[in-house]
Amino acid sequence: MEVLPKRFEKYNLELHPEKTKIVNLNSQRGDGDRSFDFLGFTHFLGKSNKGKLVLKRKTCSKKLTLALIKIQDWVKCNRNRKLKELIFDLNRKLRGLYGYY
């Protein structure tokens, strides 16, 4: 934490003290946070196929639920359109979500 602010200054970035925390991914269950959410993904420590510890990520459930609700609302607002147009636009939206997650 002492070195990071100095490195970030090179790029005119700064850490927000209230939003920044240190997470020990190796902690035992019940000893605190074992994962963190960042950019729509939940990052956690897991084991690879060879048994080594690696950083894994999965889609954050809150962000995925929010995205599905937004698509559902969009479909409700646009269901009076022609079916081909609706499907075309819906496919574009879904491809964007699949591409990100």
N, C-alpha and C. Protein backbone atom coordinates (compact mmCIF):
# COMPACT_ATOMS: atom_id res chain seq x y z
N MET A 1 0.82 -1.21 0.00
CA MET A 1 0.00 0.00 0.00
C MET A 1 0.86 1.26 0.00
N GLU A 2 2.10 1.14 0.44
CA GLU A 2 2.97 2.31 0.42
C GLU A 2 3.46 2.61 -0.99
N VAL A 3 3.67 1.58 -1.80
CA VAL A 3 4.25 1.74 -3.13
C VAL A 3 3.18 2.06 -4.18
N LEU A 4 1.98 1.54 -4.04
CA LEU A 4 0.95 1.71 -5.07
C LEU A 4 0.63 3.16 -5.38
N PRO A 5 0.41 4.02 -4.41
CA PRO A 5 0.11 5.42 -4.77
C PRO A 5 1.22 6.07 -5.60
N LYS A 6 2.47 5.72 -5.31
CA LYS A 6 3.58 6.28 -6.08
C LYS A 6 3.54 5.80 -7.53
N ARG A 7 3.23 4.52 -7.71
CA ARG A 7 3.14 3.98 -9.07
C ARG A 7 1.96 4.58 -9.83
N PHE A 8 0.86 4.76 -9.15
CA PHE A 8 -0.33 5.31 -9.80
C PHE A 8 -0.15 6.76 -10.20
N GLU A 9 0.70 7.49 -9.48
CA GLU A 9 0.94 8.90 -9.80
C GLU A 9 1.50 9.07 -11.21
N LYS A 10 2.25 8.08 -11.69
CA LYS A 10 2.79 8.15 -13.05
C LYS A 10 1.68 8.32 -14.09
N TYR A 11 0.53 7.73 -13.81
CA TYR A 11 -0.59 7.72 -14.75
C TYR A 11 -1.71 8.67 -14.33
N ASN A 12 -1.40 9.56 -13.41
CA ASN A 12 -2.38 10.52 -12.87
C ASN A 12 -3.60 9.82 -12.27
N LEU A 13 -3.35 8.72 -11.57
CA LEU A 13 -4.41 7.97 -10.89
C LEU A 13 -4.17 8.03 -9.40
N GLU A 14 -5.24 7.85 -8.64
CA GLU A 14 -5.09 7.80 -7.19
C GLU A 14 -6.08 6.79 -6.61
N LEU A 15 -5.72 6.23 -5.47
CA LEU A 15 -6.57 5.27 -4.78
C LEU A 15 -7.51 6.01 -3.85
N HIS A 16 -8.76 5.62 -3.88
CA HIS A 16 -9.74 6.21 -2.96
C HIS A 16 -9.66 5.42 -1.65
N PRO A 17 -9.33 6.06 -0.53
CA PRO A 17 -9.10 5.33 0.72
C PRO A 17 -10.33 4.58 1.23
N GLU A 18 -11.52 5.09 0.97
CA GLU A 18 -12.72 4.41 1.46
C GLU A 18 -13.12 3.23 0.58
N LYS A 19 -12.68 3.25 -0.67
CA LYS A 19 -13.05 2.19 -1.60
C LYS A 19 -11.96 1.13 -1.75
N THR A 20 -10.81 1.36 -1.15
CA THR A 20 -9.67 0.47 -1.29
C THR A 20 -9.53 -0.37 -0.03
N LYS A 21 -9.35 -1.68 -0.25
CA LYS A 21 -9.10 -2.55 0.89
C LYS A 21 -8.19 -3.69 0.45
N ILE A 22 -7.54 -4.29 1.41
CA ILE A 22 -6.68 -5.44 1.15
C ILE A 22 -7.47 -6.69 1.50
N VAL A 23 -7.52 -7.62 0.55
CA VAL A 23 -8.27 -8.86 0.74
C VAL A 23 -7.27 -10.01 0.77
N ASN A 24 -7.30 -10.79 1.84
CA ASN A 24 -6.45 -11.97 1.95
C ASN A 24 -7.22 -13.15 1.35
N LEU A 25 -6.87 -13.53 0.14
CA LEU A 25 -7.58 -14.61 -0.53
C LEU A 25 -7.27 -15.97 0.09
N ASN A 26 -6.20 -16.07 0.85
CA ASN A 26 -5.82 -17.33 1.50
C ASN A 26 -6.47 -17.52 2.86
N SER A 27 -7.29 -16.58 3.32
CA SER A 27 -7.87 -16.68 4.66
C SER A 27 -8.81 -17.89 4.75
N GLN A 28 -8.96 -18.39 5.95
CA GLN A 28 -9.85 -19.52 6.19
C GLN A 28 -11.29 -19.05 6.18
N ARG A 29 -12.21 -19.97 6.01
CA ARG A 29 -13.63 -19.61 6.04
C ARG A 29 -13.99 -18.95 7.35
N GLY A 30 -14.73 -17.87 7.26
CA GLY A 30 -15.17 -17.16 8.45
C GLY A 30 -14.18 -16.14 8.96
N ASP A 31 -12.98 -16.09 8.38
CA ASP A 31 -11.95 -15.14 8.84
C ASP A 31 -11.97 -13.83 8.07
N GLY A 32 -12.94 -13.62 7.22
CA GLY A 32 -13.01 -12.39 6.45
C GLY A 32 -13.30 -12.67 4.99
N ASP A 33 -13.11 -11.65 4.17
CA ASP A 33 -13.40 -11.78 2.74
C ASP A 33 -12.40 -12.73 2.08
N ARG A 34 -12.93 -13.58 1.21
CA ARG A 34 -12.07 -14.49 0.44
C ARG A 34 -12.21 -14.23 -1.05
N SER A 35 -12.92 -13.16 -1.39
CA SER A 35 -13.09 -12.80 -2.80
C SER A 35 -13.39 -11.30 -2.88
N PHE A 36 -13.34 -10.78 -4.12
CA PHE A 36 -13.70 -9.38 -4.31
C PHE A 36 -14.31 -9.22 -5.70
N ASP A 37 -15.18 -8.23 -5.83
CA ASP A 37 -15.84 -7.93 -7.10
C ASP A 37 -15.14 -6.75 -7.75
N PHE A 38 -14.88 -6.90 -9.07
CA PHE A 38 -14.23 -5.84 -9.82
C PHE A 38 -14.62 -5.98 -11.28
N LEU A 39 -15.14 -4.89 -11.86
CA LEU A 39 -15.53 -4.82 -13.28
C LEU A 39 -16.51 -5.92 -13.67
N GLY A 40 -17.44 -6.24 -12.79
CA GLY A 40 -18.48 -7.21 -13.13
C GLY A 40 -18.09 -8.65 -12.90
N PHE A 41 -16.93 -8.89 -12.33
CA PHE A 41 -16.48 -10.25 -12.06
C PHE A 41 -16.16 -10.42 -10.59
N THR A 42 -16.35 -11.62 -10.07
CA THR A 42 -15.94 -11.97 -8.72
C THR A 42 -14.61 -12.71 -8.84
N HIS A 43 -13.58 -12.20 -8.20
CA HIS A 43 -12.26 -12.80 -8.24
C HIS A 43 -12.04 -13.58 -6.95
N PHE A 44 -11.52 -14.79 -7.08
CA PHE A 44 -11.30 -15.65 -5.92
C PHE A 44 -10.12 -16.57 -6.20
N LEU A 45 -9.61 -17.18 -5.15
CA LEU A 45 -8.48 -18.09 -5.27
C LEU A 45 -9.00 -19.50 -5.41
N GLY A 46 -8.53 -20.21 -6.41
CA GLY A 46 -8.95 -21.60 -6.64
C GLY A 46 -7.75 -22.43 -7.04
N LYS A 47 -8.02 -23.70 -7.35
CA LYS A 47 -6.95 -24.61 -7.74
C LYS A 47 -7.04 -24.91 -9.22
N SER A 48 -5.89 -24.99 -9.86
CA SER A 48 -5.84 -25.34 -11.27
C SER A 48 -5.99 -26.85 -11.40
N ASN A 49 -5.98 -27.33 -12.65
CA ASN A 49 -6.08 -28.78 -12.88
C ASN A 49 -4.88 -29.52 -12.32
N LYS A 50 -3.76 -28.82 -12.19
CA LYS A 50 -2.55 -29.44 -11.64
C LYS A 50 -2.46 -29.27 -10.13
N GLY A 51 -3.46 -28.63 -9.51
CA GLY A 51 -3.50 -28.48 -8.06
C GLY A 51 -2.82 -27.24 -7.53
N LYS A 52 -2.35 -26.35 -8.41
CA LYS A 52 -1.70 -25.12 -7.95
C LYS A 52 -2.75 -24.04 -7.72
N LEU A 53 -2.46 -23.12 -6.80
CA LEU A 53 -3.38 -22.02 -6.52
C LEU A 53 -3.30 -20.99 -7.64
N VAL A 54 -4.46 -20.62 -8.17
CA VAL A 54 -4.53 -19.61 -9.23
C VAL A 54 -5.69 -18.67 -8.93
N LEU A 55 -5.60 -17.46 -9.48
CA LEU A 55 -6.69 -16.51 -9.34
C LEU A 55 -7.75 -16.83 -10.39
N LYS A 56 -8.96 -17.11 -9.94
CA LYS A 56 -10.06 -17.43 -10.85
C LYS A 56 -11.07 -16.31 -10.80
N ARG A 57 -11.93 -16.28 -11.81
CA ARG A 57 -12.98 -15.27 -11.84
C ARG A 57 -14.24 -15.87 -12.41
N LYS A 58 -15.35 -15.35 -11.94
CA LYS A 58 -16.66 -15.72 -12.47
C LYS A 58 -17.51 -14.46 -12.52
N THR A 59 -18.59 -14.52 -13.27
CA THR A 59 -19.46 -13.37 -13.41
C THR A 59 -20.08 -13.03 -12.06
N CYS A 60 -20.04 -11.76 -11.70
CA CYS A 60 -20.63 -11.29 -10.45
C CYS A 60 -22.15 -11.47 -10.55
N SER A 61 -22.74 -12.12 -9.60
CA SER A 61 -24.17 -12.43 -9.66
C SER A 61 -25.03 -11.17 -9.67
N LYS A 62 -24.61 -10.12 -8.97
CA LYS A 62 -25.38 -8.88 -8.95
C LYS A 62 -25.42 -8.24 -10.33
N LYS A 63 -24.26 -8.19 -11.00
CA LYS A 63 -24.18 -7.56 -12.32
C LYS A 63 -24.93 -8.37 -13.36
N LEU A 64 -24.86 -9.70 -13.28
CA LEU A 64 -25.57 -10.54 -14.23
C LEU A 64 -27.08 -10.38 -14.06
N THR A 65 -27.55 -10.36 -12.83
CA THR A 65 -28.97 -10.18 -12.56
C THR A 65 -29.44 -8.82 -13.07
N LEU A 66 -28.66 -7.79 -12.84
CA LEU A 66 -29.00 -6.45 -13.30
C LEU A 66 -29.08 -6.40 -14.83
N ALA A 67 -28.13 -7.05 -15.51
CA ALA A 67 -28.13 -7.06 -16.97
C ALA A 67 -29.37 -7.79 -17.51
N LEU A 68 -29.74 -8.90 -16.88
CA LEU A 68 -30.91 -9.65 -17.33
C LEU A 68 -32.20 -8.86 -17.11
N ILE A 69 -32.27 -8.13 -16.01
CA ILE A 69 -33.45 -7.29 -15.75
C ILE A 69 -33.54 -6.17 -16.78
N LYS A 70 -32.40 -5.57 -17.14
CA LYS A 70 -32.41 -4.51 -18.15
C LYS A 70 -32.87 -5.05 -19.50
N ILE A 71 -32.43 -6.24 -19.87
CA ILE A 71 -32.86 -6.83 -21.14
C ILE A 71 -34.34 -7.16 -21.09
N GLN A 72 -34.80 -7.68 -19.98
CA GLN A 72 -36.23 -7.99 -19.83
C GLN A 72 -37.07 -6.72 -19.97
N ASP A 73 -36.65 -5.63 -19.35
CA ASP A 73 -37.37 -4.36 -19.47
C ASP A 73 -37.35 -3.85 -20.90
N TRP A 74 -36.20 -4.00 -21.57
CA TRP A 74 -36.09 -3.55 -22.95
C TRP A 74 -37.06 -4.33 -23.85
N VAL A 75 -37.13 -5.64 -23.64
CA VAL A 75 -38.04 -6.47 -24.44
C VAL A 75 -39.49 -6.05 -24.18
N LYS A 76 -39.84 -5.79 -22.94
CA LYS A 76 -41.21 -5.36 -22.63
C LYS A 76 -41.55 -4.04 -23.32
N CYS A 77 -40.59 -3.13 -23.37
CA CYS A 77 -40.84 -1.82 -24.01
C CYS A 77 -40.88 -1.91 -25.53
N ASN A 78 -40.26 -2.92 -26.11
CA ASN A 78 -40.13 -3.00 -27.56
C ASN A 78 -40.88 -4.19 -28.18
N ARG A 79 -41.76 -4.83 -27.44
CA ARG A 79 -42.42 -6.02 -27.99
C ARG A 79 -43.48 -5.70 -29.03
N ASN A 80 -43.76 -4.43 -29.25
CA ASN A 80 -44.72 -4.05 -30.29
C ASN A 80 -44.04 -3.94 -31.66
N ARG A 81 -42.72 -4.07 -31.71
CA ARG A 81 -41.99 -3.98 -32.98
C ARG A 81 -42.13 -5.29 -33.76
N LYS A 82 -41.75 -5.25 -35.02
CA LYS A 82 -41.78 -6.46 -35.83
C LYS A 82 -40.82 -7.48 -35.24
N LEU A 83 -41.21 -8.73 -35.32
CA LEU A 83 -40.45 -9.79 -34.67
C LEU A 83 -39.02 -9.88 -35.19
N LYS A 84 -38.82 -9.74 -36.50
CA LYS A 84 -37.47 -9.82 -37.06
C LYS A 84 -36.59 -8.70 -36.51
N GLU A 85 -37.12 -7.48 -36.40
CA GLU A 85 -36.35 -6.36 -35.86
C GLU A 85 -36.02 -6.58 -34.39
N LEU A 86 -37.01 -7.06 -33.64
CA LEU A 86 -36.81 -7.31 -32.22
C LEU A 86 -35.72 -8.36 -32.01
N ILE A 87 -35.79 -9.45 -32.76
CA ILE A 87 -34.79 -10.52 -32.62
C ILE A 87 -33.41 -10.01 -33.02
N PHE A 88 -33.34 -9.23 -34.10
CA PHE A 88 -32.05 -8.71 -34.56
C PHE A 88 -31.40 -7.85 -33.47
N ASP A 89 -32.16 -6.91 -32.91
CA ASP A 89 -31.62 -6.03 -31.87
C ASP A 89 -31.32 -6.79 -30.58
N LEU A 90 -32.16 -7.73 -30.23
CA LEU A 90 -31.93 -8.53 -29.02
C LEU A 90 -30.66 -9.36 -29.16
N ASN A 91 -30.44 -9.93 -30.33
CA ASN A 91 -29.21 -10.70 -30.56
C ASN A 91 -27.97 -9.83 -30.43
N ARG A 92 -28.04 -8.59 -30.92
CA ARG A 92 -26.91 -7.67 -30.77
C ARG A 92 -26.62 -7.41 -29.30
N LYS A 93 -27.66 -7.17 -28.52
CA LYS A 93 -27.48 -6.92 -27.09
C LYS A 93 -26.88 -8.14 -26.39
N LEU A 94 -27.41 -9.32 -26.71
CA LEU A 94 -26.92 -10.54 -26.07
C LEU A 94 -25.48 -10.86 -26.46
N ARG A 95 -25.13 -10.63 -27.73
CA ARG A 95 -23.74 -10.85 -28.15
C ARG A 95 -22.81 -9.92 -27.38
N GLY A 96 -23.23 -8.70 -27.14
CA GLY A 96 -22.41 -7.77 -26.35
C GLY A 96 -22.20 -8.28 -24.93
N LEU A 97 -23.25 -8.79 -24.31
CA LEU A 97 -23.12 -9.34 -22.96
C LEU A 97 -22.23 -10.58 -22.95
N TYR A 98 -22.43 -11.47 -23.92
CA TYR A 98 -21.61 -12.69 -23.99
C TYR A 98 -20.15 -12.32 -24.21
N GLY A 99 -19.92 -11.33 -25.05
CA GLY A 99 -18.54 -10.92 -25.32
C GLY A 99 -17.85 -10.36 -24.09
N TYR A 100 -18.60 -9.65 -23.25
CA TYR A 100 -17.99 -9.07 -22.06
C TYR A 100 -17.79 -10.12 -20.97
N TYR A 101 -18.83 -10.89 -20.72
CA TYR A 101 -18.73 -11.87 -19.63
C TYR A 101 -18.16 -13.19 -20.10
